[in-house]
Amino acid sequence: MESKFCTKCSTLRTGDEWYASQHAVSGWCKACMRAYYKAKNAPDGYVFGIRECAQCKRGFEPRLQQNRVKFCSRECKTLARNEKSRRDILARKQSPRQCIQCGGSMPTSMRVDAKFCSAECNSAAHQLKRKLRNRGKTASDGYVRIEIAERDGWSCGICDGPIDRALRYPDPDCLSLDHIVPVSRGGSSEPENLQASHWICNVRRRDSELERSAA
């Protein structure tokens, strides 16, 4: 095909820069015909032009005629999604999290879905779970120590004194769970039958006439 000027853009075009003969009669080159059909089929409100990729910041022209296209490639879209996921995980780790066994702060190195701040708390919580199930003959959750302490306002249900959440066993004033109705009298290990208490108060009450049971 001989060279000639495009009647649309007035550019000299040759060879494969033209469409097939049925389109050549219009006198438009490939670039002008492509731009014409692109504009014709574009949705209402579509903004043409070069955009900046939200990930790599390079300019690109979207293949899909949609204003919501923000990335120049699938690789950039995947990288952006992974970075957002990491930021969300870090934000959840940095937000205050509480160990459900001891009530202490969870370190940021722990997984987002972690329930215990250490292996010791993990072991103690599972031991408590087995103990409550065996003594109460129920399917109690077992992970209730901190929930009950929060429910009771960190106040001992036996002496009404405050419980220091920073204390740990074997400190006599550390947190313990006391059965309101003793197991020996048919009491269960459901949360409704448990109250927060000092460990030493629990031990003394267990040895008293009421035979309270320590958990």
Protein backbone atom coordinates (compact mmCIF):
# COMPACT_ATOMS: atom_id res chain seq x y z
CA MET A 1 0.00 0.00 0.00
CA GLU A 2 1.37 3.35 -0.97
CA SER A 3 2.01 6.08 1.55
CA LYS A 4 -0.65 8.69 2.10
CA PHE A 5 -1.82 11.19 4.68
CA CYS A 6 -4.49 10.31 7.21
CA THR A 7 -7.52 12.55 6.75
CA LYS A 8 -8.03 12.62 10.53
CA CYS A 9 -4.61 13.35 11.99
CA SER A 10 -2.88 14.50 8.76
CA THR A 11 0.04 12.14 9.42
CA LEU A 12 1.84 10.33 6.62
CA ARG A 13 1.12 6.61 7.02
CA THR A 14 2.52 3.61 5.14
CA GLY A 15 2.09 -0.17 4.95
CA ASP A 16 0.54 -1.85 8.02
CA GLU A 17 -0.32 1.50 9.61
CA TRP A 18 -3.65 1.25 7.80
CA TYR A 19 -6.64 -0.96 8.43
CA ALA A 20 -8.02 -3.37 5.82
CA SER A 21 -9.56 -1.94 2.65
CA GLN A 22 -13.08 -1.66 4.09
CA HIS A 23 -11.78 0.86 6.62
CA ALA A 24 -9.23 2.51 4.36
CA VAL A 25 -11.97 4.27 2.37
CA SER A 26 -12.51 6.59 5.32
CA GLY A 27 -8.95 7.80 4.95
CA TRP A 28 -8.21 7.22 8.65
CA CYS A 29 -5.14 5.39 9.90
CA LYS A 30 -5.11 2.58 12.49
CA ALA A 31 -4.34 4.89 15.40
CA CYS A 32 -7.25 7.23 14.59
CA MET A 33 -9.70 4.36 14.00
CA ARG A 34 -8.66 2.73 17.27
CA ALA A 35 -9.14 5.98 19.19
CA TYR A 36 -12.55 6.50 17.52
CA TYR A 37 -13.94 3.09 18.54
CA LYS A 38 -12.42 3.37 21.98
CA ALA A 39 -14.23 6.64 22.60
CA LYS A 40 -17.42 5.32 21.02
CA ASN A 41 -17.57 2.24 23.30
CA ALA A 42 -16.41 3.98 26.48
CA PRO A 43 -18.90 4.21 29.38
CA ASP A 44 -20.37 7.54 30.39
CA GLY A 45 -18.04 9.61 32.53
CA TYR A 46 -14.91 7.68 31.56
CA VAL A 47 -11.77 9.83 31.81
CA PHE A 48 -9.24 9.23 29.04
CA GLY A 49 -5.52 9.82 29.35
CA ILE A 50 -2.40 8.56 31.08
CA ARG A 51 -2.78 7.65 34.75
CA GLU A 52 -0.30 7.15 37.55
CA CYS A 53 -0.07 3.62 38.92
CA ALA A 54 -0.99 3.61 42.62
CA GLN A 55 1.84 1.16 43.35
CA CYS A 56 4.87 1.88 41.13
CA LYS A 57 3.90 5.51 40.29
CA ARG A 58 4.61 5.01 36.58
CA GLY A 59 2.30 6.35 33.92
CA PHE A 60 0.03 3.90 32.08
CA GLU A 61 -3.05 3.84 29.89
CA PRO A 62 -5.72 1.41 31.16
CA ARG A 63 -6.72 -1.46 28.92
CA LEU A 64 -10.16 -1.59 30.52
CA GLN A 65 -12.30 1.48 30.10
CA GLN A 66 -13.10 1.85 33.79
CA ASN A 67 -12.25 4.75 36.05
CA ARG A 68 -11.61 2.38 38.96
CA VAL A 69 -8.47 0.93 37.33
CA LYS A 70 -5.57 2.07 39.57
CA PHE A 71 -2.72 -0.28 38.73
CA CYS A 72 -0.67 -0.72 35.59
CA SER A 73 -0.37 -4.51 35.94
CA ARG A 74 -1.53 -7.51 37.93
CA GLU A 75 1.88 -7.60 39.67
CA CYS A 76 1.41 -4.06 41.01
CA LYS A 77 -2.12 -4.88 42.17
CA THR A 78 -0.87 -7.98 44.03
CA LEU A 79 1.97 -6.03 45.67
CA ALA A 80 -0.44 -3.31 46.81
CA ARG A 81 -2.85 -5.88 48.27
CA ASN A 82 -0.05 -7.66 50.15
CA GLU A 83 1.31 -4.40 51.55
CA LYS A 84 -2.15 -3.39 52.74
CA SER A 85 -2.57 -6.78 54.42
CA ARG A 86 0.77 -6.36 56.23
CA ARG A 87 -0.18 -2.86 57.38
CA ASP A 88 -3.52 -4.10 58.72
CA ILE A 89 -1.84 -6.94 60.61
CA LEU A 90 0.74 -4.57 62.11
CA ALA A 91 -2.00 -2.14 63.17
CA ARG A 92 -3.91 -4.94 64.92
CA LYS A 93 -0.71 -6.06 66.64
CA GLN A 94 0.05 -2.55 67.89
CA SER A 95 -3.46 -2.05 69.27
CA PRO A 96 -3.92 -3.03 72.95
CA ARG A 97 -4.38 -6.79 73.25
CA GLN A 98 -4.90 -8.71 76.47
CA CYS A 99 -3.82 -12.24 77.36
CA ILE A 100 -6.98 -14.15 78.27
CA GLN A 101 -5.12 -16.07 80.99
CA CYS A 102 -3.10 -13.49 82.94
CA GLY A 103 -4.59 -10.24 81.65
CA GLY A 104 -1.18 -8.88 80.66
CA SER A 105 -0.37 -7.02 77.46
CA MET A 106 0.31 -9.12 74.38
CA PRO A 107 3.74 -8.49 72.78
CA THR A 108 3.69 -7.30 69.18
CA SER A 109 5.78 -10.31 68.18
CA MET A 110 2.81 -12.61 68.84
CA ARG A 111 0.46 -13.63 66.05
CA VAL A 112 -2.68 -11.55 65.55
CA ASP A 113 -4.92 -14.48 66.51
CA ALA A 114 -2.82 -15.44 69.57
CA LYS A 115 -4.77 -15.72 72.85
CA PHE A 116 -1.88 -16.11 75.30
CA CYS A 117 1.17 -13.94 75.90
CA SER A 118 3.51 -16.86 76.63
CA ALA A 119 3.83 -20.63 76.61
CA GLU A 120 3.34 -20.62 80.39
CA CYS A 121 -0.06 -18.90 80.09
CA ASN A 122 -1.03 -21.26 77.28
CA SER A 123 -0.21 -24.30 79.42
CA ALA A 124 -1.92 -22.85 82.52
CA ALA A 125 -5.11 -22.03 80.60
CA HIS A 126 -5.39 -25.53 79.14
CA GLN A 127 -4.67 -27.04 82.55
CA LEU A 128 -7.45 -24.91 84.04
CA LYS A 129 -9.78 -25.99 81.25
CA ARG A 130 -9.18 -29.67 81.98
CA LYS A 131 -9.47 -29.07 85.74
CA LEU A 132 -12.83 -27.29 85.48
CA ARG A 133 -14.23 -29.95 83.20
CA ASN A 134 -13.15 -32.77 85.49
CA ARG A 135 -14.36 -31.16 88.69
CA GLY A 136 -17.60 -29.74 87.37
CA LYS A 137 -18.38 -32.59 84.99
CA THR A 138 -19.43 -29.98 82.40
CA ALA A 139 -18.19 -28.88 79.00
CA SER A 140 -17.08 -25.51 80.39
CA ASP A 141 -14.90 -23.40 78.15
CA GLY A 142 -12.16 -23.06 80.74
CA TYR A 143 -10.78 -19.81 79.30
CA VAL A 144 -12.76 -17.75 81.79
CA ARG A 145 -10.30 -16.47 84.41
CA ILE A 146 -9.85 -12.95 83.04
CA GLU A 147 -13.49 -12.66 81.94
CA ILE A 148 -14.69 -13.46 85.46
CA ALA A 149 -12.14 -11.06 86.99
CA GLU A 150 -13.35 -8.31 84.67
CA ARG A 151 -16.97 -9.18 85.47
CA ASP A 152 -16.28 -8.96 89.22
CA GLY A 153 -14.29 -5.72 88.86
CA TRP A 154 -11.04 -7.38 90.04
CA SER A 155 -12.49 -7.61 93.52
CA CYS A 156 -12.21 -10.68 95.77
CA GLY A 157 -15.60 -12.30 96.27
CA ILE A 158 -14.50 -13.61 99.70
CA CYS A 159 -12.80 -10.64 101.41
CA ASP A 160 -14.03 -7.87 99.05
CA GLY A 161 -10.45 -6.62 98.70
CA PRO A 162 -8.91 -5.53 95.38
CA ILE A 163 -6.96 -8.03 93.29
CA ASP A 164 -3.71 -6.88 91.71
CA ARG A 165 -3.72 -8.16 88.12
CA ALA A 166 0.09 -7.94 87.95
CA LEU A 167 0.61 -10.60 90.65
CA ARG A 168 1.30 -14.20 89.66
CA TYR A 169 1.19 -17.53 91.46
CA PRO A 170 2.54 -18.36 94.06
CA ASP A 171 1.93 -14.85 95.40
CA PRO A 172 -0.85 -15.29 98.00
CA ASP A 173 -2.77 -12.27 96.68
CA CYS A 174 -2.78 -13.36 93.02
CA LEU A 175 -5.98 -14.05 91.09
CA SER A 176 -7.79 -17.33 91.67
CA LEU A 177 -11.24 -18.72 90.88
CA ASP A 178 -13.56 -19.82 93.67
CA HIS A 179 -16.64 -22.03 93.33
CA ILE A 180 -19.64 -20.26 94.91
CA VAL A 181 -21.43 -23.58 95.39
CA PRO A 182 -18.68 -26.10 96.18
CA VAL A 183 -18.16 -28.99 93.80
CA SER A 184 -18.60 -31.37 96.76
CA ARG A 185 -22.15 -30.03 97.11
CA GLY A 186 -23.05 -30.37 93.45
CA GLY A 187 -21.74 -27.06 92.17
CA SER A 188 -20.72 -26.79 88.53
CA SER A 189 -17.76 -25.06 86.90
CA GLU A 190 -19.90 -22.82 84.73
CA PRO A 191 -19.00 -19.10 84.88
CA GLU A 192 -22.19 -18.38 86.86
CA ASN A 193 -20.85 -20.50 89.73
CA LEU A 194 -17.34 -18.99 89.72
CA GLN A 195 -16.09 -15.78 91.32
CA ALA A 196 -12.76 -13.99 91.42
CA SER A 197 -10.80 -14.27 94.65
CA HIS A 198 -7.33 -14.00 96.17
CA TRP A 199 -5.47 -17.30 96.05
CA ILE A 200 -4.90 -17.23 99.83
CA CYS A 201 -8.58 -16.43 100.50
CA ASN A 202 -9.58 -19.34 98.30
CA VAL A 203 -7.27 -21.71 100.15
CA ARG A 204 -8.53 -20.59 103.54
CA ARG A 205 -12.16 -20.85 102.49
CA ARG A 206 -11.54 -24.34 101.13
CA ASP A 207 -10.33 -25.41 104.55
CA SER A 208 -13.29 -23.77 106.26
CA GLU A 209 -16.68 -25.22 107.11
CA LEU A 210 -18.12 -24.22 103.68
CA GLU A 211 -15.46 -26.29 101.89
CA ARG A 212 -14.96 -23.87 99.02
CA SER A 213 -12.92 -25.28 96.15
CA ALA A 214 -9.89 -23.60 94.59
CA ALA A 215 -9.52 -23.42 90.83
